Amino acid sequence: MDLHQIQITYLPDQDRLLLKLSFAEKDKSARQEIDLLFTRRTTMQFWPMLLEAMGKQVKMSKPSAAHASSELVQMEHEASVAEMKDSGHFNAPLEDDVESWPLGKEAMLPENIQFHVHAKLPFRMEFTVAGGKNFEIAMGKRLLHGFCKLFQDAVEKADWGFTLEMMGNAPEAPPAGMLN
């Protein structure tokens, strides 16, 4: 099955993000859905690891530009998000014709998230949930950056007191001061 749709929404009553991952066969039949909950803490741990893995993949795919990996990730992000907005991908509602939930209908908290990066291969994320159940999703560059944008927007709506910045876009730390 292929990743079909992604939705990330803020649940104010739980103060969590709900990540819905929809999978379908190539002909869009036999839809399955996996739902994950992200707490503020999980999100704050997940985001830097995600960015690090994205930068690592750029360095592996383009070794001659390794010194500028954060700038390349930022440029890819801006181009991918613009392309997805222009094509209307962010406006499509989540289809609700789910046939099965392989990990159960209840959304689960991820216990572990691993990133698998290789030069010129799709970016892969492996999620482990309660009971040792796990699943993996693979994303090409455009989809990965769309996923990042959905996370950024959901965290902004959650108003958790922080933003998810892309590489090269984060505010710089103030210069170190002198102590007397």
C-alpha atoms as a PDB file:
ATOM      1  CA  MET A   1       0.000   0.000   0.000  1.00  0.00           C
ATOM      2  CA  ASP A   2       1.085   3.534  -0.703  1.00  0.00           C
ATOM      3  CA  LEU A   3       0.704   6.620   1.433  1.00  0.00           C
ATOM      4  CA  HIS A   4      -2.447   8.285   0.109  1.00  0.00           C
ATOM      5  CA  GLN A   5      -3.212  11.268   2.370  1.00  0.00           C
ATOM      6  CA  ILE A   6      -1.837  12.993   5.458  1.00  0.00           C
ATOM      7  CA  GLN A   7      -3.765  15.179   7.869  1.00  0.00           C
ATOM      8  CA  ILE A   8      -2.464  16.826  11.034  1.00  0.00           C
ATOM      9  CA  THR A   9      -4.935  18.589  13.301  1.00  0.00           C
ATOM     10  CA  TYR A  10      -4.754  20.098  16.751  1.00  0.00           C
ATOM     11  CA  LEU A  11      -7.027  18.558  19.400  1.00  0.00           C
ATOM     12  CA  PRO A  12      -7.512  21.338  21.976  1.00  0.00           C
ATOM     13  CA  ASP A  13      -9.325  19.086  24.463  1.00  0.00           C
ATOM     14  CA  GLN A  14      -6.253  16.807  24.616  1.00  0.00           C
ATOM     15  CA  ASP A  15      -3.606  19.448  23.801  1.00  0.00           C
ATOM     16  CA  ARG A  16      -2.168  17.064  21.208  1.00  0.00           C
ATOM     17  CA  LEU A  17      -1.686  16.850  17.480  1.00  0.00           C
ATOM     18  CA  LEU A  18      -3.528  14.081  15.634  1.00  0.00           C
ATOM     19  CA  LEU A  19      -1.596  12.708  12.667  1.00  0.00           C
ATOM     20  CA  LYS A  20      -3.770  10.691  10.306  1.00  0.00           C
ATOM     21  CA  LEU A  21      -1.922   8.616   7.727  1.00  0.00           C
ATOM     22  CA  SER A  22      -4.113   7.161   5.008  1.00  0.00           C
ATOM     23  CA  PHE A  23      -2.862   4.317   2.802  1.00  0.00           C
ATOM     24  CA  ALA A  24      -4.408   2.926  -0.365  1.00  0.00           C
ATOM     25  CA  GLU A  25      -3.721   0.523  -3.185  1.00  0.00           C
ATOM     26  CA  LYS A  26      -2.625   2.082  -6.461  1.00  0.00           C
ATOM     27  CA  ASP A  27      -6.255   2.044  -7.686  1.00  0.00           C
ATOM     28  CA  LYS A  28      -7.294   3.920  -4.460  1.00  0.00           C
ATOM     29  CA  SER A  29      -9.190   0.872  -3.156  1.00  0.00           C
ATOM     30  CA  ALA A  30      -8.764  -0.889   0.188  1.00  0.00           C
ATOM     31  CA  ARG A  31      -7.996   2.240   2.234  1.00  0.00           C
ATOM     32  CA  GLN A  32      -6.319   1.855   5.607  1.00  0.00           C
ATOM     33  CA  GLU A  33      -5.598   4.477   8.240  1.00  0.00           C
ATOM     34  CA  ILE A  34      -3.115   4.797  11.092  1.00  0.00           C
ATOM     35  CA  ASP A  35      -3.642   7.546  13.657  1.00  0.00           C
ATOM     36  CA  LEU A  36      -0.894   8.886  15.917  1.00  0.00           C
ATOM     37  CA  LEU A  37      -0.975  11.460  18.692  1.00  0.00           C
ATOM     38  CA  PHE A  38       1.899  13.898  19.179  1.00  0.00           C
ATOM     39  CA  THR A  39       2.282  15.689  22.477  1.00  0.00           C
ATOM     40  CA  ARG A  40       4.149  18.971  22.765  1.00  0.00           C
ATOM     41  CA  ARG A  41       7.148  17.080  24.152  1.00  0.00           C
ATOM     42  CA  THR A  42       7.105  14.436  21.410  1.00  0.00           C
ATOM     43  CA  THR A  43       6.884  17.165  18.772  1.00  0.00           C
ATOM     44  CA  MET A  44       9.810  19.081  20.283  1.00  0.00           C
ATOM     45  CA  GLN A  45      11.928  15.890  20.199  1.00  0.00           C
ATOM     46  CA  PHE A  46      10.729  14.753  16.765  1.00  0.00           C
ATOM     47  CA  TRP A  47      11.313  18.001  14.835  1.00  0.00           C
ATOM     48  CA  PRO A  48      15.095  18.435  15.343  1.00  0.00           C
ATOM     49  CA  MET A  49      15.664  14.735  14.600  1.00  0.00           C
ATOM     50  CA  LEU A  50      13.608  15.059  11.422  1.00  0.00           C
ATOM     51  CA  LEU A  51      15.597  18.100  10.278  1.00  0.00           C
ATOM     52  CA  GLU A  52      18.900  16.383  11.078  1.00  0.00           C
ATOM     53  CA  ALA A  53      17.897  13.344   9.018  1.00  0.00           C
ATOM     54  CA  MET A  54      16.780  15.580   6.131  1.00  0.00           C
ATOM     55  CA  GLY A  55      20.135  17.391   6.196  1.00  0.00           C
ATOM     56  CA  LYS A  56      21.978  14.067   6.310  1.00  0.00           C
ATOM     57  CA  GLN A  57      20.115  12.850   3.246  1.00  0.00           C
ATOM     58  CA  VAL A  58      21.048  16.019   1.326  1.00  0.00           C
ATOM     59  CA  LYS A  59      24.707  15.541   2.290  1.00  0.00           C
ATOM     60  CA  MET A  60      24.586  11.938   1.074  1.00  0.00           C
ATOM     61  CA  SER A  61      22.788  12.776  -2.175  1.00  0.00           C
ATOM     62  CA  LYS A  62      24.878  15.857  -2.958  1.00  0.00           C
ATOM     63  CA  PRO A  63      28.295  15.429  -1.295  1.00  0.00           C
ATOM     64  CA  SER A  64      29.772  18.390  -3.168  1.00  0.00           C
ATOM     65  CA  ALA A  65      27.158  20.658  -1.565  1.00  0.00           C
ATOM     66  CA  ALA A  66      27.378  19.165   1.945  1.00  0.00           C
ATOM     67  CA  HIS A  67      28.546  22.508   3.343  1.00  0.00           C
ATOM     68  CA  ALA A  68      25.250  24.097   2.287  1.00  0.00           C
ATOM     69  CA  SER A  69      22.866  21.293   3.272  1.00  0.00           C
ATOM     70  CA  SER A  70      20.660  23.480   5.486  1.00  0.00           C
ATOM     71  CA  GLU A  71      20.257  26.043   2.695  1.00  0.00           C
ATOM     72  CA  LEU A  72      19.440  23.277   0.197  1.00  0.00           C
ATOM     73  CA  VAL A  73      16.806  21.808   2.523  1.00  0.00           C
ATOM     74  CA  GLN A  74      15.291  25.279   2.945  1.00  0.00           C
ATOM     75  CA  MET A  75      15.196  25.876  -0.833  1.00  0.00           C
ATOM     76  CA  GLU A  76      13.679  22.422  -1.459  1.00  0.00           C
ATOM     77  CA  HIS A  77      11.097  23.126   1.242  1.00  0.00           C
ATOM     78  CA  GLU A  78      10.028  26.462  -0.220  1.00  0.00           C
ATOM     79  CA  ALA A  79       9.814  25.063  -3.767  1.00  0.00           C
ATOM     80  CA  SER A  80       7.916  21.934  -2.703  1.00  0.00           C
ATOM     81  CA  VAL A  81       5.411  23.821  -0.532  1.00  0.00           C
ATOM     82  CA  ALA A  82       4.782  26.381  -3.302  1.00  0.00           C
ATOM     83  CA  GLU A  83       4.216  23.579  -5.826  1.00  0.00           C
ATOM     84  CA  MET A  84       1.826  21.753  -3.497  1.00  0.00           C
ATOM     85  CA  LYS A  85      -0.121  24.950  -2.765  1.00  0.00           C
ATOM     86  CA  ASP A  86      -0.381  25.741  -6.475  1.00  0.00           C
ATOM     87  CA  SER A  87      -1.688  22.258  -7.250  1.00  0.00           C
ATOM     88  CA  GLY A  88      -4.275  22.413  -4.442  1.00  0.00           C
ATOM     89  CA  HIS A  89      -2.894  19.485  -2.451  1.00  0.00           C
ATOM     90  CA  PHE A  90      -3.276  21.312   0.879  1.00  0.00           C
ATOM     91  CA  ASN A  91      -6.973  21.973   0.205  1.00  0.00           C
ATOM     92  CA  ALA A  92      -8.088  18.373  -0.379  1.00  0.00           C
ATOM     93  CA  PRO A  93     -10.265  17.096   2.494  1.00  0.00           C
ATOM     94  CA  LEU A  94      -9.323  13.808   4.138  1.00  0.00           C
ATOM     95  CA  GLU A  95     -11.308  11.023   2.506  1.00  0.00           C
ATOM     96  CA  ASP A  96     -13.356   9.151   5.082  1.00  0.00           C
ATOM     97  CA  ASP A  97     -13.923   5.835   3.313  1.00  0.00           C
ATOM     98  CA  VAL A  98     -11.486   3.906   5.521  1.00  0.00           C
ATOM     99  CA  GLU A  99     -11.893   0.138   5.452  1.00  0.00           C
ATOM    100  CA  SER A 100      -9.471  -0.858   8.193  1.00  0.00           C
ATOM    101  CA  TRP A 101      -7.181   0.413  10.921  1.00  0.00           C
ATOM    102  CA  PRO A 102      -4.215  -2.009  11.076  1.00  0.00           C
ATOM    103  CA  LEU A 103      -3.096  -0.722  14.499  1.00  0.00           C
ATOM    104  CA  GLY A 104      -6.613  -0.139  15.834  1.00  0.00           C
ATOM    105  CA  LYS A 105      -9.120   2.710  15.642  1.00  0.00           C
ATOM    106  CA  GLU A 106      -7.721   4.514  18.694  1.00  0.00           C
ATOM    107  CA  ALA A 107      -4.925   6.976  18.002  1.00  0.00           C
ATOM    108  CA  MET A 108      -1.669   5.932  19.647  1.00  0.00           C
ATOM    109  CA  LEU A 109       1.363   7.779  20.973  1.00  0.00           C
ATOM    110  CA  PRO A 110       4.575   6.893  19.144  1.00  0.00           C
ATOM    111  CA  GLU A 111       7.081   5.303  21.523  1.00  0.00           C
ATOM    112  CA  ASN A 112       9.979   5.473  19.083  1.00  0.00           C
ATOM    113  CA  ILE A 113      10.617   7.107  15.724  1.00  0.00           C
ATOM    114  CA  GLN A 114      13.584   6.195  13.559  1.00  0.00           C
ATOM    115  CA  PHE A 115      14.677   7.810  10.342  1.00  0.00           C
ATOM    116  CA  HIS A 116      16.258   5.861   7.503  1.00  0.00           C
ATOM    117  CA  VAL A 117      18.075   7.946   4.917  1.00  0.00           C
ATOM    118  CA  HIS A 118      20.013   6.852   1.870  1.00  0.00           C
ATOM    119  CA  ALA A 119      21.270   8.783  -1.110  1.00  0.00           C
ATOM    120  CA  LYS A 120      18.740   8.954  -3.928  1.00  0.00           C
ATOM    121  CA  LEU A 121      16.101   6.868  -2.111  1.00  0.00           C
ATOM    122  CA  PRO A 122      12.849   8.040  -0.523  1.00  0.00           C
ATOM    123  CA  PHE A 123      13.053   9.313   3.046  1.00  0.00           C
ATOM    124  CA  ARG A 124      11.713   6.667   5.435  1.00  0.00           C
ATOM    125  CA  MET A 125      10.269   7.048   8.936  1.00  0.00           C
ATOM    126  CA  GLU A 126       9.655   4.041  11.152  1.00  0.00           C
ATOM    127  CA  PHE A 127       7.182   4.476  13.996  1.00  0.00           C
ATOM    128  CA  THR A 128       6.893   2.087  16.950  1.00  0.00           C
ATOM    129  CA  VAL A 129       3.761   2.253  19.121  1.00  0.00           C
ATOM    130  CA  ALA A 130       2.508   0.403  22.209  1.00  0.00           C
ATOM    131  CA  GLY A 131       2.934  -3.336  22.176  1.00  0.00           C
ATOM    132  CA  GLY A 132       5.967  -3.122  19.911  1.00  0.00           C
ATOM    133  CA  LYS A 133       3.831  -2.682  16.791  1.00  0.00           C
ATOM    134  CA  ASN A 134       5.557  -0.697  14.098  1.00  0.00           C
ATOM    135  CA  PHE A 135       5.061   0.617  10.612  1.00  0.00           C
ATOM    136  CA  GLU A 136       7.123   2.536   8.117  1.00  0.00           C
ATOM    137  CA  ILE A 137       6.293   5.265   5.639  1.00  0.00           C
ATOM    138  CA  ALA A 138       8.393   6.412   2.704  1.00  0.00           C
ATOM    139  CA  MET A 139       8.192   9.922   1.287  1.00  0.00           C
ATOM    140  CA  GLY A 140       9.756  11.592  -1.691  1.00  0.00           C
ATOM    141  CA  LYS A 141      11.094  15.140  -1.276  1.00  0.00           C
ATOM    142  CA  ARG A 142       7.895  16.948  -2.208  1.00  0.00           C
ATOM    143  CA  LEU A 143       5.694  14.861   0.081  1.00  0.00           C
ATOM    144  CA  LEU A 144       8.206  15.112   2.919  1.00  0.00           C
ATOM    145  CA  HIS A 145       8.224  18.910   2.714  1.00  0.00           C
ATOM    146  CA  GLY A 146       4.422  18.947   2.562  1.00  0.00           C
ATOM    147  CA  PHE A 147       4.412  16.791   5.714  1.00  0.00           C
ATOM    148  CA  CYS A 148       6.741  19.321   7.387  1.00  0.00           C
ATOM    149  CA  LYS A 149       4.447  22.199   6.397  1.00  0.00           C
ATOM    150  CA  LEU A 150       1.420  20.405   7.861  1.00  0.00           C
ATOM    151  CA  PHE A 151       3.335  19.919  11.131  1.00  0.00           C
ATOM    152  CA  GLN A 152       4.387  23.582  11.185  1.00  0.00           C
ATOM    153  CA  ASP A 153       0.815  24.754  10.626  1.00  0.00           C
ATOM    154  CA  ALA A 154      -0.603  22.432  13.300  1.00  0.00           C
ATOM    155  CA  VAL A 155       1.942  23.586  15.901  1.00  0.00           C
ATOM    156  CA  GLU A 156       1.147  27.213  15.057  1.00  0.00           C
ATOM    157  CA  LYS A 157      -2.556  26.518  15.594  1.00  0.00           C
ATOM    158  CA  ALA A 158      -1.780  24.706  18.886  1.00  0.00           C
ATOM    159  CA  ASP A 159      -0.127  27.879  20.175  1.00  0.00           C
ATOM    160  CA  TRP A 160       2.373  25.913  22.247  1.00  0.00           C
ATOM    161  CA  GLY A 161       4.769  28.855  22.541  1.00  0.00           C
ATOM    162  CA  PHE A 162       7.233  27.688  19.893  1.00  0.00           C
ATOM    163  CA  THR A 163       7.392  27.398  16.126  1.00  0.00           C
ATOM    164  CA  LEU A 164       8.848  24.680  13.954  1.00  0.00           C
ATOM    165  CA  GLU A 165      11.452  26.354  11.773  1.00  0.00           C
ATOM    166  CA  MET A 166      13.179  24.776   8.814  1.00  0.00           C
ATOM    167  CA  MET A 167      16.951  24.656   8.600  1.00  0.00           C
ATOM    168  CA  GLY A 168      18.549  27.979   7.851  1.00  0.00           C
ATOM    169  CA  ASN A 169      15.343  29.697   8.922  1.00  0.00           C
ATOM    170  CA  ALA A 170      15.709  29.381  12.679  1.00  0.00           C
ATOM    171  CA  PRO A 171      16.629  32.477  14.620  1.00  0.00           C
ATOM    172  CA  GLU A 172      20.282  32.577  15.552  1.00  0.00           C
ATOM    173  CA  ALA A 173      21.275  32.324  19.184  1.00  0.00           C
ATOM    174  CA  PRO A 174      22.396  35.620  20.678  1.00  0.00           C
ATOM    175  CA  PRO A 175      26.165  36.031  20.927  1.00  0.00           C
ATOM    176  CA  ALA A 176      27.758  34.818  24.123  1.00  0.00           C
ATOM    177  CA  GLY A 177      28.203  37.532  26.709  1.00  0.00           C
ATOM    178  CA  MET A 178      31.019  38.161  29.117  1.00  0.00           C
ATOM    179  CA  LEU A 179      30.593  37.253  32.750  1.00  0.00           C
ATOM    180  CA  ASN A 180      32.265  39.448  35.339  1.00  0.00           C
END
